[in-house]
Amino acid sequence: MASTDNTSPQPQIPAEPQPATGPSSAPDGPQPRITRAAEAEALAQQLDSDPSSHRYQCRSCGYVYDPSEGVAKLGIPQGTPFDALPDTFLCPVCRSTKAAFVDAGPRNRPSGFTQNLDYGLGVNRLTPGQKTVLIFGGFMLAVAFLLSFYALR
């Protein structure tokens, strides 16, 4: 009887680490629990990381200065952060001083309190522009639906 000897080296595949079981696998201490408030705070810090991209809103009239847009009417180019504006800057709408502006946060920041972002049906994480589209889109859909009743006889 002839035996075949396959002594060619087999490729070694590293074994995946297996999760330990038993009493030695328990963590050394209690794991910290991450609350919704902590997650919301972390999200707020992440969004607030670059203050040069923040928008500023005039408290007098509600005008919003967006650095990505600039103010063509006043000759302020796109990309100019609010802090780089001269102290003589006046609101293009109501002519209030630079001190009348408050930080409104970055453009992509969800509106509302950061503690409330996880509640609701996901609407709390929408930006103001997305909320506007949702509201007026729903309104227009309702109007189209009501007008469709005229097609019935």
N, C-alpha and C. Protein backbone atom coordinates (compact mmCIF):
# COMPACT_ATOMS: atom_id res chain seq x y z
N MET A 1 0.83 -1.16 0.00
CA MET A 1 0.00 0.00 0.00
C MET A 1 0.87 1.22 0.00
N ALA A 2 0.60 2.13 -0.90
CA ALA A 2 1.42 3.31 -1.01
C ALA A 2 0.74 4.45 -0.27
N SER A 3 1.50 5.10 0.53
CA SER A 3 0.94 6.25 1.25
C SER A 3 1.50 7.51 0.63
N THR A 4 0.66 8.47 0.51
CA THR A 4 1.12 9.75 -0.03
C THR A 4 1.44 10.67 1.14
N ASP A 5 2.56 11.29 1.02
CA ASP A 5 3.00 12.17 2.10
C ASP A 5 2.89 13.61 1.63
N ASN A 6 1.91 14.32 2.15
CA ASN A 6 1.72 15.74 1.82
C ASN A 6 2.41 16.58 2.89
N THR A 7 3.66 16.85 2.67
CA THR A 7 4.40 17.63 3.66
C THR A 7 4.56 19.08 3.24
N SER A 8 3.77 19.51 2.24
CA SER A 8 3.89 20.91 1.83
C SER A 8 3.35 21.80 2.96
N PRO A 9 4.01 22.91 3.20
CA PRO A 9 3.58 23.77 4.32
C PRO A 9 2.20 24.36 4.05
N GLN A 10 1.35 24.31 5.04
CA GLN A 10 0.01 24.88 4.97
C GLN A 10 0.08 26.33 5.48
N PRO A 11 -0.62 27.26 4.81
CA PRO A 11 -0.60 28.64 5.31
C PRO A 11 -1.28 28.70 6.67
N GLN A 12 -0.65 29.42 7.55
CA GLN A 12 -1.20 29.57 8.90
C GLN A 12 -2.16 30.76 8.92
N ILE A 13 -3.35 30.52 9.37
CA ILE A 13 -4.36 31.56 9.52
C ILE A 13 -4.41 31.91 10.99
N PRO A 14 -4.20 33.16 11.32
CA PRO A 14 -4.23 33.52 12.74
C PRO A 14 -5.62 33.30 13.30
N ALA A 15 -5.66 32.72 14.46
CA ALA A 15 -6.93 32.45 15.11
C ALA A 15 -7.49 33.74 15.69
N GLU A 16 -8.81 33.91 15.54
CA GLU A 16 -9.46 35.10 16.10
C GLU A 16 -9.55 34.93 17.60
N PRO A 17 -9.35 35.99 18.34
CA PRO A 17 -9.46 35.86 19.79
C PRO A 17 -10.89 35.52 20.18
N GLN A 18 -11.02 34.53 21.01
CA GLN A 18 -12.32 34.10 21.48
C GLN A 18 -12.67 34.87 22.75
N PRO A 19 -13.95 35.25 22.88
CA PRO A 19 -14.32 35.94 24.11
C PRO A 19 -14.19 34.99 25.30
N ALA A 20 -13.65 35.52 26.35
CA ALA A 20 -13.46 34.69 27.54
C ALA A 20 -14.79 34.48 28.24
N THR A 21 -14.92 33.31 28.80
CA THR A 21 -16.12 33.01 29.55
C THR A 21 -15.72 32.60 30.94
N GLY A 22 -16.63 32.73 31.83
CA GLY A 22 -16.34 32.33 33.19
C GLY A 22 -16.14 33.54 34.09
N PRO A 23 -15.77 33.30 35.33
CA PRO A 23 -15.66 34.40 36.28
C PRO A 23 -14.49 35.34 35.99
N SER A 24 -13.47 34.89 35.25
CA SER A 24 -12.33 35.76 35.00
C SER A 24 -12.62 36.79 33.91
N SER A 25 -13.76 36.66 33.17
CA SER A 25 -14.06 37.59 32.10
C SER A 25 -14.81 38.83 32.58
N ALA A 26 -15.18 38.90 33.82
CA ALA A 26 -15.91 40.04 34.34
C ALA A 26 -14.99 41.26 34.39
N PRO A 27 -15.51 42.45 34.07
CA PRO A 27 -14.68 43.65 34.13
C PRO A 27 -14.26 43.94 35.56
N ASP A 28 -13.18 44.70 35.67
CA ASP A 28 -12.64 45.01 36.99
C ASP A 28 -13.61 45.83 37.84
N GLY A 29 -14.35 46.72 37.22
CA GLY A 29 -15.27 47.56 37.97
C GLY A 29 -16.49 47.85 37.13
N PRO A 30 -17.43 48.59 37.66
CA PRO A 30 -18.62 48.91 36.88
C PRO A 30 -18.27 49.86 35.73
N GLN A 31 -18.86 49.58 34.58
CA GLN A 31 -18.64 50.41 33.41
C GLN A 31 -19.47 51.69 33.55
N PRO A 32 -18.91 52.84 33.15
CA PRO A 32 -19.70 54.07 33.25
C PRO A 32 -20.84 54.03 32.24
N ARG A 33 -21.99 54.49 32.66
CA ARG A 33 -23.15 54.50 31.81
C ARG A 33 -23.25 55.85 31.10
N ILE A 34 -23.42 55.80 29.79
CA ILE A 34 -23.52 57.01 29.00
C ILE A 34 -25.00 57.39 28.92
N THR A 35 -25.33 58.56 29.41
CA THR A 35 -26.71 59.01 29.41
C THR A 35 -27.00 59.80 28.15
N ARG A 36 -28.26 60.05 27.90
CA ARG A 36 -28.65 60.83 26.73
C ARG A 36 -28.12 62.25 26.83
N ALA A 37 -28.10 62.80 28.02
CA ALA A 37 -27.59 64.16 28.20
C ALA A 37 -26.11 64.22 27.86
N ALA A 38 -25.34 63.18 28.25
CA ALA A 38 -23.92 63.16 27.95
C ALA A 38 -23.69 63.02 26.44
N GLU A 39 -24.51 62.20 25.78
CA GLU A 39 -24.39 62.06 24.33
C GLU A 39 -24.72 63.37 23.63
N ALA A 40 -25.77 64.06 24.11
CA ALA A 40 -26.16 65.34 23.51
C ALA A 40 -25.07 66.39 23.72
N GLU A 41 -24.47 66.38 24.90
CA GLU A 41 -23.39 67.33 25.18
C GLU A 41 -22.17 67.06 24.29
N ALA A 42 -21.86 65.77 24.08
CA ALA A 42 -20.74 65.42 23.20
C ALA A 42 -21.04 65.87 21.77
N LEU A 43 -22.28 65.72 21.32
CA LEU A 43 -22.67 66.17 19.98
C LEU A 43 -22.54 67.68 19.87
N ALA A 44 -22.96 68.39 20.90
CA ALA A 44 -22.87 69.85 20.88
C ALA A 44 -21.42 70.31 20.83
N GLN A 45 -20.54 69.64 21.58
CA GLN A 45 -19.13 70.01 21.55
C GLN A 45 -18.51 69.72 20.18
N GLN A 46 -18.94 68.64 19.56
CA GLN A 46 -18.43 68.29 18.23
C GLN A 46 -18.86 69.34 17.21
N LEU A 47 -20.11 69.79 17.29
CA LEU A 47 -20.61 70.77 16.35
C LEU A 47 -20.02 72.16 16.59
N ASP A 48 -19.67 72.45 17.84
CA ASP A 48 -19.14 73.77 18.18
C ASP A 48 -17.62 73.84 18.07
N SER A 49 -16.99 72.84 17.47
CA SER A 49 -15.54 72.75 17.48
C SER A 49 -14.85 73.85 16.67
N ASP A 50 -15.46 74.38 15.63
CA ASP A 50 -14.82 75.38 14.78
C ASP A 50 -15.59 76.70 14.87
N PRO A 51 -15.21 77.60 15.79
CA PRO A 51 -15.98 78.84 15.95
C PRO A 51 -15.91 79.79 14.77
N SER A 52 -14.93 79.62 13.87
CA SER A 52 -14.86 80.52 12.71
C SER A 52 -15.96 80.24 11.70
N SER A 53 -16.62 79.08 11.80
CA SER A 53 -17.71 78.75 10.88
C SER A 53 -19.09 79.03 11.46
N HIS A 54 -19.15 79.57 12.68
CA HIS A 54 -20.44 79.83 13.32
C HIS A 54 -21.16 80.99 12.65
N ARG A 55 -22.47 80.89 12.67
CA ARG A 55 -23.32 81.98 12.20
C ARG A 55 -23.64 82.88 13.39
N TYR A 56 -23.89 84.14 13.13
CA TYR A 56 -24.24 85.09 14.18
C TYR A 56 -25.54 85.77 13.80
N GLN A 57 -26.43 85.93 14.79
CA GLN A 57 -27.75 86.48 14.54
C GLN A 57 -27.91 87.82 15.25
N CYS A 58 -28.48 88.78 14.55
CA CYS A 58 -28.74 90.10 15.12
C CYS A 58 -29.93 89.98 16.07
N ARG A 59 -29.76 90.46 17.29
CA ARG A 59 -30.84 90.39 18.28
C ARG A 59 -31.94 91.40 17.98
N SER A 60 -31.64 92.43 17.22
CA SER A 60 -32.63 93.46 16.93
C SER A 60 -33.61 93.04 15.86
N CYS A 61 -33.09 92.53 14.74
CA CYS A 61 -33.98 92.24 13.61
C CYS A 61 -34.01 90.77 13.20
N GLY A 62 -33.08 89.95 13.68
CA GLY A 62 -33.07 88.54 13.33
C GLY A 62 -32.21 88.20 12.13
N TYR A 63 -31.52 89.17 11.54
CA TYR A 63 -30.64 88.90 10.42
C TYR A 63 -29.54 87.94 10.86
N VAL A 64 -29.20 86.97 10.01
CA VAL A 64 -28.17 85.99 10.33
C VAL A 64 -26.98 86.19 9.41
N TYR A 65 -25.81 86.46 10.01
CA TYR A 65 -24.58 86.56 9.24
C TYR A 65 -23.97 85.17 9.14
N ASP A 66 -23.81 84.69 7.92
CA ASP A 66 -23.23 83.37 7.67
C ASP A 66 -21.88 83.57 7.00
N PRO A 67 -20.77 83.12 7.64
CA PRO A 67 -19.45 83.32 7.03
C PRO A 67 -19.31 82.68 5.66
N SER A 68 -20.02 81.59 5.40
CA SER A 68 -19.89 80.94 4.09
C SER A 68 -20.54 81.75 2.98
N GLU A 69 -21.40 82.70 3.33
CA GLU A 69 -22.06 83.54 2.33
C GLU A 69 -21.46 84.93 2.24
N GLY A 70 -20.98 85.47 3.36
CA GLY A 70 -20.47 86.84 3.36
C GLY A 70 -21.63 87.82 3.19
N VAL A 71 -21.31 89.08 2.90
CA VAL A 71 -22.34 90.09 2.64
C VAL A 71 -21.89 90.87 1.40
N ALA A 72 -22.44 90.52 0.27
CA ALA A 72 -22.05 91.15 -0.99
C ALA A 72 -22.41 92.64 -0.99
N LYS A 73 -23.50 92.99 -0.34
CA LYS A 73 -23.96 94.38 -0.28
C LYS A 73 -22.94 95.29 0.40
N LEU A 74 -22.21 94.73 1.38
CA LEU A 74 -21.21 95.50 2.12
C LEU A 74 -19.78 95.22 1.65
N GLY A 75 -19.62 94.35 0.67
CA GLY A 75 -18.30 94.03 0.15
C GLY A 75 -17.52 93.07 1.02
N ILE A 76 -18.20 92.27 1.84
CA ILE A 76 -17.54 91.28 2.69
C ILE A 76 -17.52 89.96 1.93
N PRO A 77 -16.32 89.44 1.62
CA PRO A 77 -16.24 88.22 0.80
C PRO A 77 -16.69 86.98 1.57
N GLN A 78 -16.99 85.93 0.81
CA GLN A 78 -17.36 84.65 1.40
C GLN A 78 -16.19 84.08 2.19
N GLY A 79 -16.50 83.40 3.29
CA GLY A 79 -15.46 82.78 4.09
C GLY A 79 -14.89 83.69 5.16
N THR A 80 -15.40 84.90 5.31
CA THR A 80 -14.91 85.81 6.34
C THR A 80 -15.59 85.50 7.67
N PRO A 81 -14.84 85.03 8.68
CA PRO A 81 -15.47 84.75 9.97
C PRO A 81 -15.95 86.02 10.65
N PHE A 82 -16.91 85.90 11.53
CA PHE A 82 -17.50 87.05 12.21
C PHE A 82 -16.46 87.80 13.02
N ASP A 83 -15.53 87.08 13.63
CA ASP A 83 -14.50 87.73 14.44
C ASP A 83 -13.56 88.60 13.61
N ALA A 84 -13.44 88.31 12.32
CA ALA A 84 -12.56 89.07 11.44
C ALA A 84 -13.22 90.34 10.90
N LEU A 85 -14.51 90.50 11.15
CA LEU A 85 -15.20 91.71 10.70
C LEU A 85 -14.71 92.91 11.51
N PRO A 86 -14.65 94.08 10.90
CA PRO A 86 -14.21 95.26 11.66
C PRO A 86 -15.23 95.63 12.74
N ASP A 87 -14.77 96.34 13.76
CA ASP A 87 -15.66 96.76 14.84
C ASP A 87 -16.71 97.76 14.37
N THR A 88 -16.49 98.34 13.21
CA THR A 88 -17.45 99.29 12.66
C THR A 88 -18.54 98.59 11.84
N PHE A 89 -18.54 97.26 11.82
CA PHE A 89 -19.54 96.50 11.07
C PHE A 89 -20.93 96.79 11.63
N LEU A 90 -21.86 97.06 10.74
CA LEU A 90 -23.26 97.29 11.12
C LEU A 90 -24.14 96.28 10.42
N CYS A 91 -25.22 95.90 11.07
CA CYS A 91 -26.19 94.96 10.49
C CYS A 91 -26.70 95.56 9.17
N PRO A 92 -26.68 94.79 8.09
CA PRO A 92 -27.15 95.33 6.81
C PRO A 92 -28.65 95.61 6.77
N VAL A 93 -29.41 95.11 7.73
CA VAL A 93 -30.85 95.30 7.72
C VAL A 93 -31.26 96.46 8.62
N CYS A 94 -30.83 96.42 9.91
CA CYS A 94 -31.30 97.41 10.87
C CYS A 94 -30.21 98.36 11.35
N ARG A 95 -28.98 98.19 10.87
CA ARG A 95 -27.84 99.04 11.19
C ARG A 95 -27.44 98.97 12.67
N SER A 96 -27.69 97.83 13.33
CA SER A 96 -27.23 97.62 14.70
C SER A 96 -25.73 97.34 14.70
N THR A 97 -25.08 97.59 15.83
CA THR A 97 -23.64 97.39 15.90
C THR A 97 -23.29 95.91 16.00
N LYS A 98 -22.02 95.61 15.92
CA LYS A 98 -21.53 94.24 15.99
C LYS A 98 -21.84 93.61 17.35
N ALA A 99 -21.94 94.42 18.40
CA ALA A 99 -22.23 93.92 19.75
C ALA A 99 -23.66 93.37 19.85
N ALA A 100 -24.53 93.71 18.92
CA ALA A 100 -25.92 93.24 18.96
C ALA A 100 -26.07 91.83 18.42
N PHE A 101 -24.99 91.23 17.92
CA PHE A 101 -25.06 89.89 17.34
C PHE A 101 -24.72 88.84 18.39
N VAL A 102 -25.42 87.70 18.34
CA VAL A 102 -25.14 86.58 19.23
C VAL A 102 -24.80 85.34 18.39
N ASP A 103 -24.02 84.46 18.96
CA ASP A 103 -23.59 83.24 18.28
C ASP A 103 -24.78 82.31 18.08
N ALA A 104 -25.06 81.95 16.83
CA ALA A 104 -26.16 81.04 16.52
C ALA A 104 -25.67 79.63 16.22
N GLY A 105 -24.36 79.41 16.26
CA GLY A 105 -23.80 78.08 16.03
C GLY A 105 -23.56 77.82 14.56
N PRO A 106 -23.04 76.63 14.25
CA PRO A 106 -22.76 76.28 12.86
C PRO A 106 -24.04 76.07 12.05
N ARG A 107 -23.90 76.10 10.73
CA ARG A 107 -25.05 75.97 9.83
C ARG A 107 -25.75 74.62 9.98
N ASN A 108 -24.98 73.55 10.15
CA ASN A 108 -25.58 72.21 10.19
C ASN A 108 -26.01 71.78 11.57
N ARG A 109 -26.04 72.69 12.51
CA ARG A 109 -26.44 72.35 13.88
C ARG A 109 -27.96 72.24 13.97
N PRO A 110 -28.45 71.18 14.58
CA PRO A 110 -29.90 71.06 14.76
C PRO A 110 -30.41 72.17 15.66
N SER A 111 -31.59 72.68 15.37
CA SER A 111 -32.14 73.73 16.20
C SER A 111 -32.74 73.14 17.47
N GLY A 112 -32.79 73.91 18.51
CA GLY A 112 -33.36 73.47 19.77
C GLY A 112 -32.29 73.14 20.79
N PHE A 113 -32.72 72.73 21.95
CA PHE A 113 -31.81 72.40 23.04
C PHE A 113 -31.14 71.06 22.78
N THR A 114 -29.88 70.94 23.11
CA THR A 114 -29.15 69.70 22.85
C THR A 114 -29.69 68.56 23.70
N GLN A 115 -30.29 68.85 24.84
CA GLN A 115 -30.83 67.79 25.69
C GLN A 115 -32.05 67.12 25.04
N ASN A 116 -32.72 67.81 24.13
CA ASN A 116 -33.95 67.30 23.54
C ASN A 116 -33.75 66.64 22.18
N LEU A 117 -32.51 66.47 21.73
CA LEU A 117 -32.29 65.96 20.38
C LEU A 117 -32.73 64.52 20.19
N ASP A 118 -32.73 63.72 21.23
CA ASP A 118 -33.08 62.31 21.10
C ASP A 118 -34.56 62.02 21.29
N TYR A 119 -35.36 63.02 21.55
CA TYR A 119 -36.78 62.80 21.77
C TYR A 119 -37.56 63.10 20.50
N GLY A 120 -38.80 62.64 20.46
CA GLY A 120 -39.62 62.88 19.30
C GLY A 120 -39.45 61.77 18.28
N LEU A 121 -39.87 62.03 17.08
CA LEU A 121 -39.82 61.03 16.00
C LEU A 121 -38.64 61.26 15.08
N GLY A 122 -37.57 61.84 15.59
CA GLY A 122 -36.40 62.13 14.77
C GLY A 122 -36.41 63.53 14.21
N VAL A 123 -37.47 64.27 14.45
CA VAL A 123 -37.59 65.62 13.93
C VAL A 123 -36.66 66.57 14.68
N ASN A 124 -36.32 66.27 15.91
CA ASN A 124 -35.48 67.16 16.70
C ASN A 124 -34.06 67.25 16.16
N ARG A 125 -33.62 66.31 15.37
CA ARG A 125 -32.25 66.35 14.82
C ARG A 125 -32.19 67.07 13.48
N LEU A 126 -33.32 67.56 12.98
CA LEU A 126 -33.34 68.27 11.70
C LEU A 126 -32.82 69.69 11.87
N THR A 127 -32.17 70.19 10.84
CA THR A 127 -31.74 71.58 10.85
C THR A 127 -32.94 72.47 10.58
N PRO A 128 -32.84 73.78 10.86
CA PRO A 128 -33.99 74.65 10.59
C PRO A 128 -34.46 74.61 9.14
N GLY A 129 -33.55 74.51 8.19
CA GLY A 129 -33.94 74.44 6.78
C GLY A 129 -34.72 73.17 6.47
N GLN A 130 -34.29 72.06 7.05
CA GLN A 130 -35.00 70.80 6.84
C GLN A 130 -36.39 70.83 7.47
N LYS A 131 -36.50 71.48 8.62
CA LYS A 131 -37.82 71.60 9.26
C LYS A 131 -38.75 72.46 8.41
N THR A 132 -38.21 73.51 7.81
CA THR A 132 -39.02 74.36 6.96
C THR A 132 -39.55 73.59 5.76
N VAL A 133 -38.69 72.80 5.13
CA VAL A 133 -39.12 71.99 3.99
C VAL A 133 -40.18 70.98 4.42
N LEU A 134 -40.00 70.37 5.58
CA LEU A 134 -40.97 69.39 6.07
C LEU A 134 -42.32 70.04 6.34
N ILE A 135 -42.33 71.20 6.98
CA ILE A 135 -43.59 71.87 7.33
C ILE A 135 -44.32 72.34 6.08
N PHE A 136 -43.62 73.10 5.22
CA PHE A 136 -44.30 73.65 4.05
C PHE A 136 -44.56 72.58 3.00
N GLY A 137 -43.74 71.54 2.94
CA GLY A 137 -44.02 70.42 2.04
C GLY A 137 -45.29 69.69 2.46
N GLY A 138 -45.45 69.48 3.77
CA GLY A 138 -46.67 68.86 4.27
C GLY A 138 -47.89 69.73 4.01
N PHE A 139 -47.71 71.03 4.18
CA PHE A 139 -48.81 71.96 3.92
C PHE A 139 -49.23 71.92 2.45
N MET A 140 -48.26 71.93 1.55
CA MET A 140 -48.58 71.90 0.13
C MET A 140 -49.21 70.56 -0.27
N LEU A 141 -48.77 69.48 0.35
CA LEU A 141 -49.38 68.18 0.09
C LEU A 141 -50.83 68.16 0.54
N ALA A 142 -51.11 68.77 1.69
CA ALA A 142 -52.49 68.83 2.18
C ALA A 142 -53.36 69.67 1.24
N VAL A 143 -52.82 70.78 0.75
CA VAL A 143 -53.58 71.63 -0.18
C VAL A 143 -53.85 70.87 -1.48
N ALA A 144 -52.85 70.17 -1.99
CA ALA A 144 -53.05 69.38 -3.22
C ALA A 144 -54.09 68.29 -3.00
N PHE A 145 -54.09 67.68 -1.82
CA PHE A 145 -55.07 66.64 -1.52
C PHE A 145 -56.48 67.23 -1.47
N LEU A 146 -56.62 68.38 -0.82
CA LEU A 146 -57.95 69.01 -0.74
C LEU A 146 -58.43 69.48 -2.10
N LEU A 147 -57.52 69.97 -2.93
CA LEU A 147 -57.92 70.39 -4.27
C LEU A 147 -58.29 69.21 -5.16
N SER A 148 -57.79 68.04 -4.84
CA SER A 148 -58.12 66.87 -5.63
C SER A 148 -59.59 66.47 -5.46
N PHE A 149 -60.24 66.96 -4.42
CA PHE A 149 -61.67 66.66 -4.24
C PHE A 149 -62.51 67.28 -5.35
N TYR A 150 -62.01 68.34 -5.99
CA TYR A 150 -62.75 68.94 -7.10
C TYR A 150 -62.80 68.01 -8.30
N ALA A 151 -61.89 67.06 -8.37
CA ALA A 151 -61.89 66.11 -9.50
C ALA A 151 -62.97 65.05 -9.33
N LEU A 152 -63.45 64.89 -8.10
CA LEU A 152 -64.52 63.92 -7.87
C LEU A 152 -65.85 64.50 -8.25
N ARG A 153 -66.73 63.67 -8.78
CA ARG A 153 -68.07 64.16 -9.13
C ARG A 153 -69.11 63.33 -8.51
